[in-house]
Amino acid sequence: MPEAPLRSEYVLTLSCPNRVGIVHAVSGFLLAADCDIVDSQQFGTAEEGLFFLRVHFTDGAHRGLARLREEFQPLAAVYSMDWHIHDVARRMRTLVMVSQYGHCLNDLLFRADAGALPIDITGVVSNHEHFRAMTESYGIPFHHIPVSRDTKSEAEGRLMEIVAESDVELVVLARYMQILSEDVCKRLESRVINIHHSFLPSFKGARPYHQAHERGVKIIGATAHYVTAELDEGPIIEQDVIRVDHRAVPEKLAALGRDVEGQVLARAVKWHAEHRVLCHGRRTVVFS
């Protein structure tokens, strides 16, 4: 007997005002469409009265993404949903940006190449030439875009050209040490992830490990967050920490922090690419 065609897998994410019957309505829609729920997670906020849902399901009737979206639209309108249906098999097209510290770039390149991240890195942008050889060893285009006070506008124009030309869905600042303009932040809203080498909201801005050393901290960490026009104020996706003591000079703190930065950024990129992160004002809902 011929084998049955493989079922396509999709992820539905939504947010809407909380009311009775949302889960029942969504489940009923999927049942009627001959879809099978693989995993479902939900969260409701008591203070704002909002509801968030992520459902991973298979398409038993092979309707396809376009038809599923079309058929879900009337139900979404009833509940005033902000919603998306994503194809699980589609890897997210990602542009990585870096300056002079390459540990996070190296980690992302390796994980993506090994299949540990559901992303395709379409290119690497840097204001320095340091990591051209590393990038090109993976067969990935390297774009050198120098940035100065006088050329910032032209540099960002070139950046946005690359985003458009490569159909980029996600930009990752892997220790890219230039501040993006308000215009770029707005155009790429909720599509830019930054790794901050500190446990925000403490020690913002430059030289956070020196700031931490001066304060005698006993815990250091890293924060991955979405980029907004407000420096280091975007919604936080993931954080982690390690313990240190009085013997750790700033250079030692920075060395210890590099491993944490790579792990935190990789988790944030993975969760975003798997459509597990829903923005909620200045916060995020992150489904495991």
C-alpha atoms as a PDB file:
ATOM      1  CA  MET A   1       0.000   0.000   0.000  1.00  0.00           C
ATOM      2  CA  PRO A   2       1.259   3.516  -0.756  1.00  0.00           C
ATOM      3  CA  GLU A   3       2.359   5.471   2.285  1.00  0.00           C
ATOM      4  CA  ALA A   4       0.090   8.270   3.442  1.00  0.00           C
ATOM      5  CA  PRO A   5       1.543  11.721   2.768  1.00  0.00           C
ATOM      6  CA  LEU A   6       3.237  13.339   5.737  1.00  0.00           C
ATOM      7  CA  ARG A   7       1.129  15.807   7.642  1.00  0.00           C
ATOM      8  CA  SER A   8       2.339  19.396   7.590  1.00  0.00           C
ATOM      9  CA  GLU A   9       2.901  21.025  10.978  1.00  0.00           C
ATOM     10  CA  TYR A  10       1.882  24.553  11.907  1.00  0.00           C
ATOM     11  CA  VAL A  11       1.954  26.875  14.895  1.00  0.00           C
ATOM     12  CA  LEU A  12      -0.925  29.232  15.665  1.00  0.00           C
ATOM     13  CA  THR A  13      -0.169  32.144  17.986  1.00  0.00           C
ATOM     14  CA  LEU A  14      -2.707  34.701  19.111  1.00  0.00           C
ATOM     15  CA  SER A  15      -3.485  37.379  21.637  1.00  0.00           C
ATOM     16  CA  CYS A  16      -6.854  38.995  22.280  1.00  0.00           C
ATOM     17  CA  PRO A  17      -9.125  40.326  25.038  1.00  0.00           C
ATOM     18  CA  ASN A  18      -9.829  37.515  27.472  1.00  0.00           C
ATOM     19  CA  ARG A  19     -13.315  36.034  27.437  1.00  0.00           C
ATOM     20  CA  VAL A  20     -15.003  32.692  27.940  1.00  0.00           C
ATOM     21  CA  GLY A  21     -14.811  30.183  25.107  1.00  0.00           C
ATOM     22  CA  ILE A  22     -11.589  31.107  23.256  1.00  0.00           C
ATOM     23  CA  VAL A  23      -9.867  27.746  23.735  1.00  0.00           C
ATOM     24  CA  HIS A  24     -13.075  25.899  22.913  1.00  0.00           C
ATOM     25  CA  ALA A  25     -13.526  27.921  19.731  1.00  0.00           C
ATOM     26  CA  VAL A  26      -9.957  27.389  18.548  1.00  0.00           C
ATOM     27  CA  SER A  27     -10.033  23.682  19.381  1.00  0.00           C
ATOM     28  CA  GLY A  28     -13.358  23.334  17.594  1.00  0.00           C
ATOM     29  CA  PHE A  29     -11.967  25.023  14.500  1.00  0.00           C
ATOM     30  CA  LEU A  30      -8.988  22.662  14.408  1.00  0.00           C
ATOM     31  CA  LEU A  31     -11.212  19.625  14.956  1.00  0.00           C
ATOM     32  CA  ALA A  32     -13.514  20.656  12.122  1.00  0.00           C
ATOM     33  CA  ALA A  33     -10.462  21.161   9.891  1.00  0.00           C
ATOM     34  CA  ASP A  34      -9.240  17.621  10.694  1.00  0.00           C
ATOM     35  CA  CYS A  35      -6.180  19.003  12.470  1.00  0.00           C
ATOM     36  CA  ASP A  36      -4.503  17.262  15.390  1.00  0.00           C
ATOM     37  CA  ILE A  37      -3.180  19.325  18.329  1.00  0.00           C
ATOM     38  CA  VAL A  38       0.398  18.386  19.235  1.00  0.00           C
ATOM     39  CA  ASP A  39       0.886  20.958  21.996  1.00  0.00           C
ATOM     40  CA  SER A  40      -1.145  23.848  23.401  1.00  0.00           C
ATOM     41  CA  GLN A  41      -0.187  26.523  25.920  1.00  0.00           C
ATOM     42  CA  GLN A  42      -2.145  29.521  27.160  1.00  0.00           C
ATOM     43  CA  PHE A  43      -1.828  32.457  29.523  1.00  0.00           C
ATOM     44  CA  GLY A  44      -4.214  35.126  30.719  1.00  0.00           C
ATOM     45  CA  THR A  45      -3.356  38.386  32.472  1.00  0.00           C
ATOM     46  CA  ALA A  46      -5.616  39.317  35.344  1.00  0.00           C
ATOM     47  CA  GLU A  47      -4.718  43.020  35.372  1.00  0.00           C
ATOM     48  CA  GLU A  48      -5.163  43.813  31.659  1.00  0.00           C
ATOM     49  CA  GLY A  49      -7.642  41.074  30.810  1.00  0.00           C
ATOM     50  CA  LEU A  50      -5.597  39.741  27.891  1.00  0.00           C
ATOM     51  CA  PHE A  51      -5.309  36.185  26.633  1.00  0.00           C
ATOM     52  CA  PHE A  52      -2.352  34.537  24.871  1.00  0.00           C
ATOM     53  CA  LEU A  53      -2.321  31.149  23.116  1.00  0.00           C
ATOM     54  CA  ARG A  54       0.186  29.029  21.192  1.00  0.00           C
ATOM     55  CA  VAL A  55      -1.037  25.848  19.492  1.00  0.00           C
ATOM     56  CA  HIS A  56       1.208  23.427  17.576  1.00  0.00           C
ATOM     57  CA  PHE A  57      -0.905  21.239  15.284  1.00  0.00           C
ATOM     58  CA  THR A  58      -0.775  18.973  12.237  1.00  0.00           C
ATOM     59  CA  ASP A  59      -2.882  19.447   9.113  1.00  0.00           C
ATOM     60  CA  GLY A  60      -4.593  16.110   8.582  1.00  0.00           C
ATOM     61  CA  ALA A  61      -6.643  17.246   5.581  1.00  0.00           C
ATOM     62  CA  HIS A  62      -3.639  18.867   3.885  1.00  0.00           C
ATOM     63  CA  ARG A  63      -5.433  22.180   3.566  1.00  0.00           C
ATOM     64  CA  GLY A  64      -2.199  24.107   3.374  1.00  0.00           C
ATOM     65  CA  LEU A  65      -1.129  27.331   5.019  1.00  0.00           C
ATOM     66  CA  ALA A  66      -3.022  29.769   2.795  1.00  0.00           C
ATOM     67  CA  ARG A  67      -6.342  27.946   3.193  1.00  0.00           C
ATOM     68  CA  LEU A  68      -5.931  27.563   6.951  1.00  0.00           C
ATOM     69  CA  ARG A  69      -5.298  31.280   7.290  1.00  0.00           C
ATOM     70  CA  GLU A  70      -8.302  32.112   5.133  1.00  0.00           C
ATOM     71  CA  GLU A  71     -10.621  29.803   7.047  1.00  0.00           C
ATOM     72  CA  PHE A  72      -9.423  30.999  10.463  1.00  0.00           C
ATOM     73  CA  GLN A  73     -10.031  34.683   9.661  1.00  0.00           C
ATOM     74  CA  PRO A  74     -13.776  34.786  10.552  1.00  0.00           C
ATOM     75  CA  LEU A  75     -13.166  33.203  13.967  1.00  0.00           C
ATOM     76  CA  ALA A  76     -10.290  35.589  14.649  1.00  0.00           C
ATOM     77  CA  ALA A  77     -12.536  38.546  13.860  1.00  0.00           C
ATOM     78  CA  VAL A  78     -15.162  37.397  16.368  1.00  0.00           C
ATOM     79  CA  TYR A  79     -12.618  37.469  19.210  1.00  0.00           C
ATOM     80  CA  SER A  80     -10.597  40.490  17.962  1.00  0.00           C
ATOM     81  CA  MET A  81      -7.465  38.355  17.730  1.00  0.00           C
ATOM     82  CA  ASP A  82      -3.973  39.445  16.755  1.00  0.00           C
ATOM     83  CA  TRP A  83      -2.939  36.128  15.239  1.00  0.00           C
ATOM     84  CA  HIS A  84      -0.510  34.295  12.989  1.00  0.00           C
ATOM     85  CA  ILE A  85      -0.217  30.770  11.588  1.00  0.00           C
ATOM     86  CA  HIS A  86       3.349  29.664  10.821  1.00  0.00           C
ATOM     87  CA  ASP A  87       4.751  26.697   8.928  1.00  0.00           C
ATOM     88  CA  VAL A  88       6.974  24.746  11.347  1.00  0.00           C
ATOM     89  CA  ALA A  89       9.161  23.465   8.518  1.00  0.00           C
ATOM     90  CA  ARG A  90      10.092  26.976   7.378  1.00  0.00           C
ATOM     91  CA  ARG A  91      13.381  28.169   8.868  1.00  0.00           C
ATOM     92  CA  MET A  92      13.471  31.846   9.777  1.00  0.00           C
ATOM     93  CA  ARG A  93      15.667  34.013   7.547  1.00  0.00           C
ATOM     94  CA  THR A  94      18.082  35.750   9.901  1.00  0.00           C
ATOM     95  CA  LEU A  95      20.693  38.484   9.573  1.00  0.00           C
ATOM     96  CA  VAL A  96      23.402  38.630  12.259  1.00  0.00           C
ATOM     97  CA  MET A  97      25.240  41.853  13.147  1.00  0.00           C
ATOM     98  CA  VAL A  98      28.544  41.966  15.045  1.00  0.00           C
ATOM     99  CA  SER A  99      31.357  44.370  15.905  1.00  0.00           C
ATOM    100  CA  GLN A 100      34.632  43.282  17.557  1.00  0.00           C
ATOM    101  CA  TYR A 101      33.548  40.453  19.889  1.00  0.00           C
ATOM    102  CA  GLY A 102      32.833  37.262  17.969  1.00  0.00           C
ATOM    103  CA  HIS A 103      31.835  34.686  20.578  1.00  0.00           C
ATOM    104  CA  CYS A 104      28.080  35.081  20.044  1.00  0.00           C
ATOM    105  CA  LEU A 105      28.466  35.122  16.257  1.00  0.00           C
ATOM    106  CA  ASN A 106      30.602  31.987  16.386  1.00  0.00           C
ATOM    107  CA  ASP A 107      28.016  30.252  18.556  1.00  0.00           C
ATOM    108  CA  LEU A 108      25.098  31.183  16.284  1.00  0.00           C
ATOM    109  CA  LEU A 109      26.939  30.137  13.127  1.00  0.00           C
ATOM    110  CA  PHE A 110      27.774  26.745  14.610  1.00  0.00           C
ATOM    111  CA  ARG A 111      24.315  26.091  16.054  1.00  0.00           C
ATOM    112  CA  ALA A 112      22.549  27.098  12.838  1.00  0.00           C
ATOM    113  CA  ASP A 113      24.887  24.953  10.716  1.00  0.00           C
ATOM    114  CA  ALA A 114      24.366  21.994  13.073  1.00  0.00           C
ATOM    115  CA  GLY A 115      20.582  22.312  12.842  1.00  0.00           C
ATOM    116  CA  ALA A 116      20.214  23.298  16.501  1.00  0.00           C
ATOM    117  CA  LEU A 117      18.467  26.553  15.578  1.00  0.00           C
ATOM    118  CA  PRO A 118      15.496  26.767  13.169  1.00  0.00           C
ATOM    119  CA  ILE A 119      17.068  29.657  11.257  1.00  0.00           C
ATOM    120  CA  ASP A 120      18.881  30.282   7.991  1.00  0.00           C
ATOM    121  CA  ILE A 121      21.584  32.908   8.434  1.00  0.00           C
ATOM    122  CA  THR A 122      21.379  34.881   5.200  1.00  0.00           C
ATOM    123  CA  GLY A 123      24.332  37.129   5.984  1.00  0.00           C
ATOM    124  CA  VAL A 124      26.503  38.820   8.583  1.00  0.00           C
ATOM    125  CA  VAL A 125      26.845  42.597   8.802  1.00  0.00           C
ATOM    126  CA  SER A 126      29.717  44.214  10.662  1.00  0.00           C
ATOM    127  CA  ASN A 127      31.293  47.623  11.036  1.00  0.00           C
ATOM    128  CA  HIS A 128      34.676  45.828  11.159  1.00  0.00           C
ATOM    129  CA  GLU A 129      36.393  43.215   8.986  1.00  0.00           C
ATOM    130  CA  HIS A 130      37.402  40.945  11.897  1.00  0.00           C
ATOM    131  CA  PHE A 131      34.980  38.071  11.253  1.00  0.00           C
ATOM    132  CA  ARG A 132      34.875  37.885   7.463  1.00  0.00           C
ATOM    133  CA  ALA A 133      36.886  34.646   7.294  1.00  0.00           C
ATOM    134  CA  MET A 134      34.804  32.997  10.024  1.00  0.00           C
ATOM    135  CA  THR A 135      31.557  33.929   8.299  1.00  0.00           C
ATOM    136  CA  GLU A 136      32.636  32.963   4.804  1.00  0.00           C
ATOM    137  CA  SER A 137      33.920  29.589   6.034  1.00  0.00           C
ATOM    138  CA  TYR A 138      30.221  28.714   6.472  1.00  0.00           C
ATOM    139  CA  GLY A 139      29.425  29.899   2.939  1.00  0.00           C
ATOM    140  CA  ILE A 140      27.544  32.925   4.285  1.00  0.00           C
ATOM    141  CA  PRO A 141      27.874  36.431   2.776  1.00  0.00           C
ATOM    142  CA  PHE A 142      29.771  38.974   4.880  1.00  0.00           C
ATOM    143  CA  HIS A 143      28.821  42.651   4.533  1.00  0.00           C
ATOM    144  CA  HIS A 144      31.302  45.242   5.808  1.00  0.00           C
ATOM    145  CA  ILE A 145      29.438  48.470   6.547  1.00  0.00           C
ATOM    146  CA  PRO A 146      31.655  51.015   8.330  1.00  0.00           C
ATOM    147  CA  VAL A 147      29.763  53.382  10.625  1.00  0.00           C
ATOM    148  CA  SER A 148      30.747  56.853  11.778  1.00  0.00           C
ATOM    149  CA  ARG A 149      28.785  59.823  13.017  1.00  0.00           C
ATOM    150  CA  ASP A 150      28.849  61.275   9.496  1.00  0.00           C
ATOM    151  CA  THR A 151      27.959  58.040   7.678  1.00  0.00           C
ATOM    152  CA  LYS A 152      25.384  56.532  10.060  1.00  0.00           C
ATOM    153  CA  SER A 153      22.425  57.400   7.827  1.00  0.00           C
ATOM    154  CA  GLU A 154      24.042  55.873   4.731  1.00  0.00           C
ATOM    155  CA  ALA A 155      25.119  52.799   6.707  1.00  0.00           C
ATOM    156  CA  GLU A 156      21.599  52.186   7.954  1.00  0.00           C
ATOM    157  CA  GLY A 157      20.268  52.691   4.451  1.00  0.00           C
ATOM    158  CA  ARG A 158      22.574  49.923   3.230  1.00  0.00           C
ATOM    159  CA  LEU A 159      21.502  47.734   6.157  1.00  0.00           C
ATOM    160  CA  MET A 160      17.848  48.092   5.215  1.00  0.00           C
ATOM    161  CA  GLU A 161      18.698  47.284   1.587  1.00  0.00           C
ATOM    162  CA  ILE A 162      20.276  44.017   2.734  1.00  0.00           C
ATOM    163  CA  VAL A 163      17.231  43.237   4.883  1.00  0.00           C
ATOM    164  CA  ALA A 164      14.947  43.759   1.878  1.00  0.00           C
ATOM    165  CA  GLU A 165      17.179  41.986  -0.666  1.00  0.00           C
ATOM    166  CA  SER A 166      17.554  38.894   1.542  1.00  0.00           C
ATOM    167  CA  ASP A 167      13.921  38.848   2.730  1.00  0.00           C
ATOM    168  CA  VAL A 168      15.197  38.976   6.332  1.00  0.00           C
ATOM    169  CA  GLU A 169      12.655  38.146   9.034  1.00  0.00           C
ATOM    170  CA  LEU A 170      14.915  38.487  12.100  1.00  0.00           C
ATOM    171  CA  VAL A 171      17.971  40.623  12.880  1.00  0.00           C
ATOM    172  CA  VAL A 172      20.261  39.498  15.715  1.00  0.00           C
ATOM    173  CA  LEU A 173      22.693  41.926  17.324  1.00  0.00           C
ATOM    174  CA  ALA A 174      25.435  39.514  18.411  1.00  0.00           C
ATOM    175  CA  ARG A 175      27.485  42.101  20.297  1.00  0.00           C
ATOM    176  CA  TYR A 176      26.956  44.761  17.625  1.00  0.00           C
ATOM    177  CA  MET A 177      28.114  47.903  19.389  1.00  0.00           C
ATOM    178  CA  GLN A 178      26.299  50.547  17.355  1.00  0.00           C
ATOM    179  CA  ILE A 179      22.976  52.039  18.396  1.00  0.00           C
ATOM    180  CA  LEU A 180      20.235  51.631  15.807  1.00  0.00           C
ATOM    181  CA  SER A 181      18.285  54.766  14.951  1.00  0.00           C
ATOM    182  CA  GLU A 182      14.692  55.269  16.011  1.00  0.00           C
ATOM    183  CA  ASP A 183      13.616  54.902  12.370  1.00  0.00           C
ATOM    184  CA  VAL A 184      15.284  51.486  11.982  1.00  0.00           C
ATOM    185  CA  CYS A 185      13.901  50.327  15.337  1.00  0.00           C
ATOM    186  CA  LYS A 186      10.377  51.215  14.220  1.00  0.00           C
ATOM    187  CA  ARG A 187      10.747  49.600  10.795  1.00  0.00           C
ATOM    188  CA  LEU A 188      12.047  46.392  12.376  1.00  0.00           C
ATOM    189  CA  GLU A 189       9.829  46.416  15.469  1.00  0.00           C
ATOM    190  CA  SER A 190       9.782  43.062  17.285  1.00  0.00           C
ATOM    191  CA  ARG A 191      12.216  41.682  14.689  1.00  0.00           C
ATOM    192  CA  VAL A 192      15.544  42.679  16.284  1.00  0.00           C
ATOM    193  CA  ILE A 193      17.044  40.764  19.228  1.00  0.00           C
ATOM    194  CA  ASN A 194      20.009  42.146  21.171  1.00  0.00           C
ATOM    195  CA  ILE A 195      22.267  40.442  23.702  1.00  0.00           C
ATOM    196  CA  HIS A 196      23.181  42.781  26.524  1.00  0.00           C
ATOM    197  CA  HIS A 197      26.207  41.706  28.488  1.00  0.00           C
ATOM    198  CA  SER A 198      24.583  42.477  31.812  1.00  0.00           C
ATOM    199  CA  PHE A 199      21.587  41.435  33.860  1.00  0.00           C
ATOM    200  CA  LEU A 200      19.197  44.272  32.931  1.00  0.00           C
ATOM    201  CA  PRO A 201      17.895  46.622  34.168  1.00  0.00           C
ATOM    202  CA  SER A 202      21.190  47.088  36.051  1.00  0.00           C
ATOM    203  CA  PHE A 203      24.393  48.412  34.457  1.00  0.00           C
ATOM    204  CA  LYS A 204      23.016  49.758  31.194  1.00  0.00           C
ATOM    205  CA  GLY A 205      25.147  51.212  28.438  1.00  0.00           C
ATOM    206  CA  ALA A 206      28.903  50.839  28.048  1.00  0.00           C
ATOM    207  CA  ARG A 207      31.389  48.823  30.161  1.00  0.00           C
ATOM    208  CA  PRO A 208      28.793  46.983  32.291  1.00  0.00           C
ATOM    209  CA  TYR A 209      31.369  44.569  33.728  1.00  0.00           C
ATOM    210  CA  HIS A 210      33.426  47.494  34.975  1.00  0.00           C
ATOM    211  CA  GLN A 211      30.273  48.954  36.519  1.00  0.00           C
ATOM    212  CA  ALA A 212      29.540  45.588  38.131  1.00  0.00           C
ATOM    213  CA  HIS A 213      33.090  45.331  39.493  1.00  0.00           C
ATOM    214  CA  GLU A 214      32.877  48.807  41.002  1.00  0.00           C
ATOM    215  CA  ARG A 215      29.680  47.808  42.804  1.00  0.00           C
ATOM    216  CA  GLY A 216      31.143  44.520  44.059  1.00  0.00           C
ATOM    217  CA  VAL A 217      28.443  42.362  42.572  1.00  0.00           C
ATOM    218  CA  LYS A 218      28.225  38.672  43.414  1.00  0.00           C
ATOM    219  CA  ILE A 219      26.120  37.688  40.408  1.00  0.00           C
ATOM    220  CA  ILE A 220      26.647  38.632  36.760  1.00  0.00           C
ATOM    221  CA  GLY A 221      24.509  37.703  33.824  1.00  0.00           C
ATOM    222  CA  ALA A 222      23.224  38.444  30.346  1.00  0.00           C
ATOM    223  CA  THR A 223      19.932  39.622  28.910  1.00  0.00           C
ATOM    224  CA  ALA A 224      18.421  39.009  25.480  1.00  0.00           C
ATOM    225  CA  HIS A 225      15.740  41.521  24.582  1.00  0.00           C
ATOM    226  CA  TYR A 226      13.926  43.067  21.653  1.00  0.00           C
ATOM    227  CA  VAL A 227      15.422  46.324  20.453  1.00  0.00           C
ATOM    228  CA  THR A 228      13.444  49.540  20.785  1.00  0.00           C
ATOM    229  CA  ALA A 229      14.341  53.191  20.363  1.00  0.00           C
ATOM    230  CA  GLU A 230      14.886  53.389  24.134  1.00  0.00           C
ATOM    231  CA  LEU A 231      18.395  52.030  24.746  1.00  0.00           C
ATOM    232  CA  ASP A 232      18.373  48.666  26.577  1.00  0.00           C
ATOM    233  CA  GLU A 233      14.689  49.086  27.479  1.00  0.00           C
ATOM    234  CA  GLY A 234      13.085  46.610  25.073  1.00  0.00           C
ATOM    235  CA  PRO A 235      10.939  43.634  26.162  1.00  0.00           C
ATOM    236  CA  ILE A 236      13.115  40.962  27.776  1.00  0.00           C
ATOM    237  CA  ILE A 237      13.049  37.471  26.256  1.00  0.00           C
ATOM    238  CA  GLU A 238      15.615  35.569  28.339  1.00  0.00           C
ATOM    239  CA  GLN A 239      18.150  36.103  31.126  1.00  0.00           C
ATOM    240  CA  ASP A 240      20.674  34.007  33.019  1.00  0.00           C
ATOM    241  CA  VAL A 241      23.299  34.524  35.728  1.00  0.00           C
ATOM    242  CA  ILE A 242      26.439  33.017  37.241  1.00  0.00           C
ATOM    243  CA  ARG A 243      27.990  33.611  40.664  1.00  0.00           C
ATOM    244  CA  VAL A 244      31.296  35.466  41.097  1.00  0.00           C
ATOM    245  CA  ASP A 245      33.293  36.692  44.084  1.00  0.00           C
ATOM    246  CA  HIS A 246      35.697  39.444  45.130  1.00  0.00           C
ATOM    247  CA  ARG A 247      38.608  37.927  43.179  1.00  0.00           C
ATOM    248  CA  ALA A 248      37.000  38.573  39.783  1.00  0.00           C
ATOM    249  CA  VAL A 249      38.508  41.624  38.073  1.00  0.00           C
ATOM    250  CA  PRO A 250      36.579  43.184  35.145  1.00  0.00           C
ATOM    251  CA  GLU A 251      38.483  41.101  32.583  1.00  0.00           C
ATOM    252  CA  LYS A 252      37.601  37.908  34.460  1.00  0.00           C
ATOM    253  CA  LEU A 253      33.976  38.981  34.708  1.00  0.00           C
ATOM    254  CA  ALA A 254      33.889  39.587  30.952  1.00  0.00           C
ATOM    255  CA  ALA A 255      35.423  36.176  30.247  1.00  0.00           C
ATOM    256  CA  LEU A 256      32.909  34.417  32.479  1.00  0.00           C
ATOM    257  CA  GLY A 257      30.102  36.415  30.946  1.00  0.00           C
ATOM    258  CA  ARG A 258      30.857  35.370  27.386  1.00  0.00           C
ATOM    259  CA  ASP A 259      29.528  31.840  27.884  1.00  0.00           C
ATOM    260  CA  VAL A 260      26.346  33.164  29.483  1.00  0.00           C
ATOM    261  CA  GLU A 261      25.836  35.643  26.648  1.00  0.00           C
ATOM    262  CA  GLY A 262      26.083  32.948  23.985  1.00  0.00           C
ATOM    263  CA  GLN A 263      23.650  30.624  25.748  1.00  0.00           C
ATOM    264  CA  VAL A 264      21.093  33.334  26.514  1.00  0.00           C
ATOM    265  CA  LEU A 265      21.165  34.718  22.970  1.00  0.00           C
ATOM    266  CA  ALA A 266      20.852  31.255  21.415  1.00  0.00           C
ATOM    267  CA  ARG A 267      17.813  30.457  23.559  1.00  0.00           C
ATOM    268  CA  ALA A 268      16.154  33.763  22.701  1.00  0.00           C
ATOM    269  CA  VAL A 269      16.750  33.279  18.956  1.00  0.00           C
ATOM    270  CA  LYS A 270      15.459  29.701  19.107  1.00  0.00           C
ATOM    271  CA  TRP A 271      12.296  30.661  20.989  1.00  0.00           C
ATOM    272  CA  HIS A 272      11.599  33.578  18.652  1.00  0.00           C
ATOM    273  CA  ALA A 273      12.120  31.407  15.566  1.00  0.00           C
ATOM    274  CA  GLU A 274       9.803  28.760  17.025  1.00  0.00           C
ATOM    275  CA  HIS A 275       7.145  31.437  17.584  1.00  0.00           C
ATOM    276  CA  ARG A 276       7.146  30.990  21.338  1.00  0.00           C
ATOM    277  CA  VAL A 277       7.498  34.695  22.214  1.00  0.00           C
ATOM    278  CA  LEU A 278       4.512  37.045  22.243  1.00  0.00           C
ATOM    279  CA  CYS A 279       5.067  40.703  23.090  1.00  0.00           C
ATOM    280  CA  HIS A 280       2.905  42.198  25.810  1.00  0.00           C
ATOM    281  CA  GLY A 281       3.662  45.904  26.093  1.00  0.00           C
ATOM    282  CA  ARG A 282       7.106  46.200  27.690  1.00  0.00           C
ATOM    283  CA  ARG A 283       7.022  42.517  28.649  1.00  0.00           C
ATOM    284  CA  THR A 284       6.907  39.191  26.834  1.00  0.00           C
ATOM    285  CA  VAL A 285       4.989  35.969  27.185  1.00  0.00           C
ATOM    286  CA  VAL A 286       7.403  33.087  26.475  1.00  0.00           C
ATOM    287  CA  PHE A 287       5.848  29.671  26.043  1.00  0.00           C
ATOM    288  CA  SER A 288       8.154  26.754  26.863  1.00  0.00           C
END
